[in-house]
Amino acid sequence: MMTDTWSIVLILALAAILALEAYTYFTDRTTLSGYVVQFTQVWPLLPFAVGLIIGALAAHFWWPWCSPACQ
């Protein structure tokens, strides 16, 4: 089923992020949070852009509507 596929993809993405965080932490490199801080110093609009994207996704996924699949 496609639901299983998306679940596996999301779990693999999370595992990849965790593996990269562990690698960067133990090799004393820049972690994701450190990168975000550095990137925000260069481009201060980053938190607002991320918020806009998250808000758009939330409206897309949870807006009260009924797709053809739920009828």
PDB file of N, CA and C in Angstrom:
ATOM      1  N   MET A   1       0.833  -1.194   0.000  1.00  0.00           N
ATOM      2  CA  MET A   1       0.000   0.000   0.000  1.00  0.00           C
ATOM      3  C   MET A   1       0.873   1.252   0.000  1.00  0.00           C
ATOM      4  N   MET A   2       0.309   2.319  -0.503  1.00  0.00           N
ATOM      5  CA  MET A   2       1.043   3.584  -0.549  1.00  0.00           C
ATOM      6  C   MET A   2       1.247   4.161   0.850  1.00  0.00           C
ATOM      7  N   THR A   3       0.319   3.873   1.764  1.00  0.00           N
ATOM      8  CA  THR A   3       0.468   4.361   3.135  1.00  0.00           C
ATOM      9  C   THR A   3       1.733   3.785   3.761  1.00  0.00           C
ATOM     10  N   ASP A   4       1.975   2.503   3.523  1.00  0.00           N
ATOM     11  CA  ASP A   4       3.190   1.875   4.046  1.00  0.00           C
ATOM     12  C   ASP A   4       4.437   2.501   3.434  1.00  0.00           C
ATOM     13  N   THR A   5       4.373   2.800   2.150  1.00  0.00           N
ATOM     14  CA  THR A   5       5.515   3.408   1.469  1.00  0.00           C
ATOM     15  C   THR A   5       5.859   4.753   2.087  1.00  0.00           C
ATOM     16  N   TRP A   6       4.846   5.602   2.307  1.00  0.00           N
ATOM     17  CA  TRP A   6       5.104   6.920   2.896  1.00  0.00           C
ATOM     18  C   TRP A   6       5.612   6.797   4.326  1.00  0.00           C
ATOM     19  N   SER A   7       5.091   5.827   5.072  1.00  0.00           N
ATOM     20  CA  SER A   7       5.579   5.619   6.441  1.00  0.00           C
ATOM     21  C   SER A   7       7.049   5.224   6.433  1.00  0.00           C
ATOM     22  N   ILE A   8       7.414   4.337   5.516  1.00  0.00           N
ATOM     23  CA  ILE A   8       8.809   3.899   5.418  1.00  0.00           C
ATOM     24  C   ILE A   8       9.707   5.061   5.006  1.00  0.00           C
ATOM     25  N   VAL A   9       9.260   5.867   4.050  1.00  0.00           N
ATOM     26  CA  VAL A   9      10.053   7.015   3.598  1.00  0.00           C
ATOM     27  C   VAL A   9      10.275   7.993   4.750  1.00  0.00           C
ATOM     28  N   LEU A  10       9.231   8.289   5.515  1.00  0.00           N
ATOM     29  CA  LEU A  10       9.374   9.220   6.641  1.00  0.00           C
ATOM     30  C   LEU A  10      10.300   8.667   7.717  1.00  0.00           C
ATOM     31  N   ILE A  11      10.198   7.373   7.992  1.00  0.00           N
ATOM     32  CA  ILE A  11      11.076   6.755   8.989  1.00  0.00           C
ATOM     33  C   ILE A  11      12.527   6.780   8.512  1.00  0.00           C
ATOM     34  N   LEU A  12      12.748   6.492   7.219  1.00  0.00           N
ATOM     35  CA  LEU A  12      14.106   6.538   6.675  1.00  0.00           C
ATOM     36  C   LEU A  12      14.676   7.956   6.695  1.00  0.00           C
ATOM     37  N   ALA A  13      13.845   8.950   6.411  1.00  0.00           N
ATOM     38  CA  ALA A  13      14.305  10.340   6.458  1.00  0.00           C
ATOM     39  C   ALA A  13      14.709  10.714   7.882  1.00  0.00           C
ATOM     40  N   LEU A  14      13.900  10.325   8.851  1.00  0.00           N
ATOM     41  CA  LEU A  14      14.229  10.597  10.249  1.00  0.00           C
ATOM     42  C   LEU A  14      15.513   9.879  10.654  1.00  0.00           C
ATOM     43  N   ALA A  15      15.663   8.624  10.227  1.00  0.00           N
ATOM     44  CA  ALA A  15      16.875   7.869  10.551  1.00  0.00           C
ATOM     45  C   ALA A  15      18.108   8.517   9.918  1.00  0.00           C
ATOM     46  N   ALA A  16      17.971   9.028   8.699  1.00  0.00           N
ATOM     47  CA  ALA A  16      19.097   9.688   8.031  1.00  0.00           C
ATOM     48  C   ALA A  16      19.496  10.955   8.776  1.00  0.00           C
ATOM     49  N   ILE A  17      18.513  11.732   9.212  1.00  0.00           N
ATOM     50  CA  ILE A  17      18.812  12.949   9.968  1.00  0.00           C
ATOM     51  C   ILE A  17      19.500  12.599  11.288  1.00  0.00           C
ATOM     52  N   LEU A  18      18.991  11.582  11.972  1.00  0.00           N
ATOM     53  CA  LEU A  18      19.614  11.170  13.235  1.00  0.00           C
ATOM     54  C   LEU A  18      21.039  10.669  13.010  1.00  0.00           C
ATOM     55  N   ALA A  19      21.263   9.911  11.938  1.00  0.00           N
ATOM     56  CA  ALA A  19      22.608   9.407  11.644  1.00  0.00           C
ATOM     57  C   ALA A  19      23.566  10.560  11.339  1.00  0.00           C
ATOM     58  N   LEU A  20      23.107  11.539  10.559  1.00  0.00           N
ATOM     59  CA  LEU A  20      23.956  12.695  10.258  1.00  0.00           C
ATOM     60  C   LEU A  20      24.253  13.507  11.514  1.00  0.00           C
ATOM     61  N   GLU A  21      23.255  13.665  12.373  1.00  0.00           N
ATOM     62  CA  GLU A  21      23.480  14.393  13.627  1.00  0.00           C
ATOM     63  C   GLU A  21      24.508  13.671  14.490  1.00  0.00           C
ATOM     64  N   ALA A  22      24.379  12.355  14.600  1.00  0.00           N
ATOM     65  CA  ALA A  22      25.337  11.586  15.398  1.00  0.00           C
ATOM     66  C   ALA A  22      26.736  11.685  14.798  1.00  0.00           C
ATOM     67  N   TYR A  23      26.833  11.571  13.480  1.00  0.00           N
ATOM     68  CA  TYR A  23      28.135  11.668  12.802  1.00  0.00           C
ATOM     69  C   TYR A  23      28.779  13.031  13.039  1.00  0.00           C
ATOM     70  N   THR A  24      28.007  14.095  12.855  1.00  0.00           N
ATOM     71  CA  THR A  24      28.577  15.432  13.027  1.00  0.00           C
ATOM     72  C   THR A  24      28.917  15.712  14.491  1.00  0.00           C
ATOM     73  N   TYR A  25      28.144  15.157  15.402  1.00  0.00           N
ATOM     74  CA  TYR A  25      28.411  15.372  16.824  1.00  0.00           C
ATOM     75  C   TYR A  25      29.721  14.699  17.238  1.00  0.00           C
ATOM     76  N   PHE A  26      29.901  13.448  16.810  1.00  0.00           N
ATOM     77  CA  PHE A  26      31.085  12.701  17.231  1.00  0.00           C
ATOM     78  C   PHE A  26      32.345  13.077  16.452  1.00  0.00           C
ATOM     79  N   THR A  27      32.205  13.690  15.285  1.00  0.00           N
ATOM     80  CA  THR A  27      33.382  14.128  14.521  1.00  0.00           C
ATOM     81  C   THR A  27      33.647  15.612  14.718  1.00  0.00           C
ATOM     82  N   ASP A  28      32.928  16.228  15.626  1.00  0.00           N
ATOM     83  CA  ASP A  28      33.116  17.641  15.986  1.00  0.00           C
ATOM     84  C   ASP A  28      32.947  18.560  14.776  1.00  0.00           C
ATOM     85  N   ARG A  29      31.870  18.323  14.028  1.00  0.00           N
ATOM     86  CA  ARG A  29      31.526  19.180  12.892  1.00  0.00           C
ATOM     87  C   ARG A  29      30.240  19.930  13.218  1.00  0.00           C
ATOM     88  N   THR A  30      29.767  20.721  12.285  1.00  0.00           N
ATOM     89  CA  THR A  30      28.574  21.534  12.510  1.00  0.00           C
ATOM     90  C   THR A  30      27.323  20.660  12.478  1.00  0.00           C
ATOM     91  N   THR A  31      26.539  20.716  13.563  1.00  0.00           N
ATOM     92  CA  THR A  31      25.284  19.971  13.616  1.00  0.00           C
ATOM     93  C   THR A  31      24.192  20.757  12.896  1.00  0.00           C
ATOM     94  N   LEU A  32      23.022  20.162  12.796  1.00  0.00           N
ATOM     95  CA  LEU A  32      21.910  20.824  12.116  1.00  0.00           C
ATOM     96  C   LEU A  32      21.537  22.125  12.820  1.00  0.00           C
ATOM     97  N   SER A  33      21.474  22.103  14.144  1.00  0.00           N
ATOM     98  CA  SER A  33      21.119  23.331  14.861  1.00  0.00           C
ATOM     99  C   SER A  33      22.197  24.399  14.689  1.00  0.00           C
ATOM    100  N   GLY A  34      23.464  24.000  14.687  1.00  0.00           N
ATOM    101  CA  GLY A  34      24.533  24.960  14.446  1.00  0.00           C
ATOM    102  C   GLY A  34      24.469  25.542  13.049  1.00  0.00           C
ATOM    103  N   TYR A  35      24.130  24.698  12.076  1.00  0.00           N
ATOM    104  CA  TYR A  35      23.989  25.173  10.699  1.00  0.00           C
ATOM    105  C   TYR A  35      22.846  26.172  10.580  1.00  0.00           C
ATOM    106  N   VAL A  36      21.736  25.879  11.256  1.00  0.00           N
ATOM    107  CA  VAL A  36      20.588  26.790  11.205  1.00  0.00           C
ATOM    108  C   VAL A  36      20.962  28.139  11.812  1.00  0.00           C
ATOM    109  N   VAL A  37      21.691  28.131  12.920  1.00  0.00           N
ATOM    110  CA  VAL A  37      22.122  29.390  13.543  1.00  0.00           C
ATOM    111  C   VAL A  37      23.025  30.170  12.592  1.00  0.00           C
ATOM    112  N   GLN A  38      23.987  29.488  11.973  1.00  0.00           N
ATOM    113  CA  GLN A  38      24.889  30.165  11.035  1.00  0.00           C
ATOM    114  C   GLN A  38      24.133  30.691   9.816  1.00  0.00           C
ATOM    115  N   PHE A  39      23.212  29.899   9.299  1.00  0.00           N
ATOM    116  CA  PHE A  39      22.449  30.313   8.123  1.00  0.00           C
ATOM    117  C   PHE A  39      21.539  31.489   8.449  1.00  0.00           C
ATOM    118  N   THR A  40      20.989  31.510   9.674  1.00  0.00           N
ATOM    119  CA  THR A  40      20.126  32.610  10.091  1.00  0.00           C
ATOM    120  C   THR A  40      20.917  33.913  10.216  1.00  0.00           C
ATOM    121  N   GLN A  41      22.182  33.824  10.567  1.00  0.00           N
ATOM    122  CA  GLN A  41      23.011  35.028  10.622  1.00  0.00           C
ATOM    123  C   GLN A  41      23.227  35.610   9.232  1.00  0.00           C
ATOM    124  N   VAL A  42      23.281  34.753   8.219  1.00  0.00           N
ATOM    125  CA  VAL A  42      23.457  35.213   6.838  1.00  0.00           C
ATOM    126  C   VAL A  42      22.125  35.660   6.249  1.00  0.00           C
ATOM    127  N   TRP A  43      21.057  34.908   6.526  1.00  0.00           N
ATOM    128  CA  TRP A  43      19.738  35.198   5.972  1.00  0.00           C
ATOM    129  C   TRP A  43      18.713  35.180   7.109  1.00  0.00           C
ATOM    130  N   PRO A  44      18.462  36.327   7.756  1.00  0.00           N
ATOM    131  CA  PRO A  44      17.605  36.381   8.941  1.00  0.00           C
ATOM    132  C   PRO A  44      16.147  35.991   8.693  1.00  0.00           C
ATOM    133  N   LEU A  45      15.715  35.937   7.453  1.00  0.00           N
ATOM    134  CA  LEU A  45      14.322  35.583   7.177  1.00  0.00           C
ATOM    135  C   LEU A  45      14.059  34.080   7.232  1.00  0.00           C
ATOM    136  N   LEU A  46      15.075  33.276   7.487  1.00  0.00           N
ATOM    137  CA  LEU A  46      14.910  31.821   7.491  1.00  0.00           C
ATOM    138  C   LEU A  46      13.789  31.340   8.414  1.00  0.00           C
ATOM    139  N   PRO A  47      13.711  31.764   9.686  1.00  0.00           N
ATOM    140  CA  PRO A  47      12.632  31.261  10.543  1.00  0.00           C
ATOM    141  C   PRO A  47      11.243  31.593   9.997  1.00  0.00           C
ATOM    142  N   PHE A  48      11.107  32.761   9.393  1.00  0.00           N
ATOM    143  CA  PHE A  48       9.806  33.147   8.855  1.00  0.00           C
ATOM    144  C   PHE A  48       9.468  32.346   7.601  1.00  0.00           C
ATOM    145  N   ALA A  49      10.470  32.071   6.775  1.00  0.00           N
ATOM    146  CA  ALA A  49      10.243  31.261   5.577  1.00  0.00           C
ATOM    147  C   ALA A  49       9.862  29.833   5.964  1.00  0.00           C
ATOM    148  N   VAL A  50      10.545  29.283   6.954  1.00  0.00           N
ATOM    149  CA  VAL A  50      10.215  27.937   7.424  1.00  0.00           C
ATOM    150  C   VAL A  50       8.809  27.924   8.018  1.00  0.00           C
ATOM    151  N   GLY A  51       8.465  28.956   8.789  1.00  0.00           N
ATOM    152  CA  GLY A  51       7.115  29.049   9.349  1.00  0.00           C
ATOM    153  C   GLY A  51       6.049  29.137   8.277  1.00  0.00           C
ATOM    154  N   LEU A  52       6.335  29.879   7.215  1.00  0.00           N
ATOM    155  CA  LEU A  52       5.394  29.983   6.102  1.00  0.00           C
ATOM    156  C   LEU A  52       5.185  28.626   5.441  1.00  0.00           C
ATOM    157  N   ILE A  53       6.265  27.897   5.234  1.00  0.00           N
ATOM    158  CA  ILE A  53       6.161  26.575   4.611  1.00  0.00           C
ATOM    159  C   ILE A  53       5.404  25.610   5.518  1.00  0.00           C
ATOM    160  N   ILE A  54       5.717  25.598   6.809  1.00  0.00           N
ATOM    161  CA  ILE A  54       5.025  24.714   7.749  1.00  0.00           C
ATOM    162  C   ILE A  54       3.543  25.070   7.828  1.00  0.00           C
ATOM    163  N   GLY A  55       3.234  26.361   7.864  1.00  0.00           N
ATOM    164  CA  GLY A  55       1.834  26.787   7.892  1.00  0.00           C
ATOM    165  C   GLY A  55       1.086  26.380   6.642  1.00  0.00           C
ATOM    166  N   ALA A  56       1.725  26.513   5.486  1.00  0.00           N
ATOM    167  CA  ALA A  56       1.082  26.107   4.233  1.00  0.00           C
ATOM    168  C   ALA A  56       0.837  24.603   4.217  1.00  0.00           C
ATOM    169  N   LEU A  57       1.797  23.830   4.708  1.00  0.00           N
ATOM    170  CA  LEU A  57       1.599  22.383   4.761  1.00  0.00           C
ATOM    171  C   LEU A  57       0.497  22.008   5.747  1.00  0.00           C
ATOM    172  N   ALA A  58       0.445  22.693   6.887  1.00  0.00           N
ATOM    173  CA  ALA A  58      -0.614  22.413   7.858  1.00  0.00           C
ATOM    174  C   ALA A  58      -1.984  22.715   7.271  1.00  0.00           C
ATOM    175  N   ALA A  59      -2.112  23.839   6.574  1.00  0.00           N
ATOM    176  CA  ALA A  59      -3.391  24.170   5.937  1.00  0.00           C
ATOM    177  C   ALA A  59      -3.724  23.158   4.848  1.00  0.00           C
ATOM    178  N   HIS A  60      -2.718  22.712   4.125  1.00  0.00           N
ATOM    179  CA  HIS A  60      -2.951  21.743   3.052  1.00  0.00           C
ATOM    180  C   HIS A  60      -3.403  20.399   3.616  1.00  0.00           C
ATOM    181  N   PHE A  61      -2.754  19.932   4.685  1.00  0.00           N
ATOM    182  CA  PHE A  61      -3.058  18.604   5.209  1.00  0.00           C
ATOM    183  C   PHE A  61      -4.297  18.570   6.090  1.00  0.00           C
ATOM    184  N   TRP A  62      -4.537  19.609   6.890  1.00  0.00           N
ATOM    185  CA  TRP A  62      -5.588  19.533   7.894  1.00  0.00           C
ATOM    186  C   TRP A  62      -6.729  20.516   7.687  1.00  0.00           C
ATOM    187  N   TRP A  63      -6.832  21.144   6.529  1.00  0.00           N
ATOM    188  CA  TRP A  63      -7.960  22.015   6.244  1.00  0.00           C
ATOM    189  C   TRP A  63      -9.206  21.141   6.157  1.00  0.00           C
ATOM    190  N   PRO A  64     -10.334  21.566   6.743  1.00  0.00           N
ATOM    191  CA  PRO A  64     -11.528  20.698   6.753  1.00  0.00           C
ATOM    192  C   PRO A  64     -12.151  20.556   5.361  1.00  0.00           C
ATOM    193  N   TRP A  65     -11.824  19.489   4.698  1.00  0.00           N
ATOM    194  CA  TRP A  65     -12.382  19.198   3.392  1.00  0.00           C
ATOM    195  C   TRP A  65     -12.488  17.689   3.262  1.00  0.00           C
ATOM    196  N   CYS A  66     -13.205  17.257   2.299  1.00  0.00           N
ATOM    197  CA  CYS A  66     -13.393  15.825   2.104  1.00  0.00           C
ATOM    198  C   CYS A  66     -12.941  15.466   0.698  1.00  0.00           C
ATOM    199  N   SER A  67     -11.903  14.661   0.614  1.00  0.00           N
ATOM    200  CA  SER A  67     -11.403  14.234  -0.687  1.00  0.00           C
ATOM    201  C   SER A  67     -12.310  13.144  -1.251  1.00  0.00           C
ATOM    202  N   PRO A  68     -12.167  12.827  -2.515  1.00  0.00           N
ATOM    203  CA  PRO A  68     -12.967  11.733  -3.086  1.00  0.00           C
ATOM    204  C   PRO A  68     -12.741  10.410  -2.367  1.00  0.00           C
ATOM    205  N   ALA A  69     -11.594  10.231  -1.732  1.00  0.00           N
ATOM    206  CA  ALA A  69     -11.315   8.976  -1.032  1.00  0.00           C
ATOM    207  C   ALA A  69     -12.174   8.806   0.214  1.00  0.00           C
ATOM    208  N   CYS A  70     -12.646   9.899   0.816  1.00  0.00           N
ATOM    209  CA  CYS A  70     -13.430   9.765   2.050  1.00  0.00           C
ATOM    210  C   CYS A  70     -14.931   9.725   1.788  1.00  0.00           C
ATOM    211  N   GLN A  71     -15.336   9.793   0.544  1.00  0.00           N
ATOM    212  CA  GLN A  71     -16.776   9.761   0.247  1.00  0.00           C
ATOM    213  C   GLN A  71     -17.259   8.357   0.034  1.00  0.00           C
TER     214      GLN A  71
END
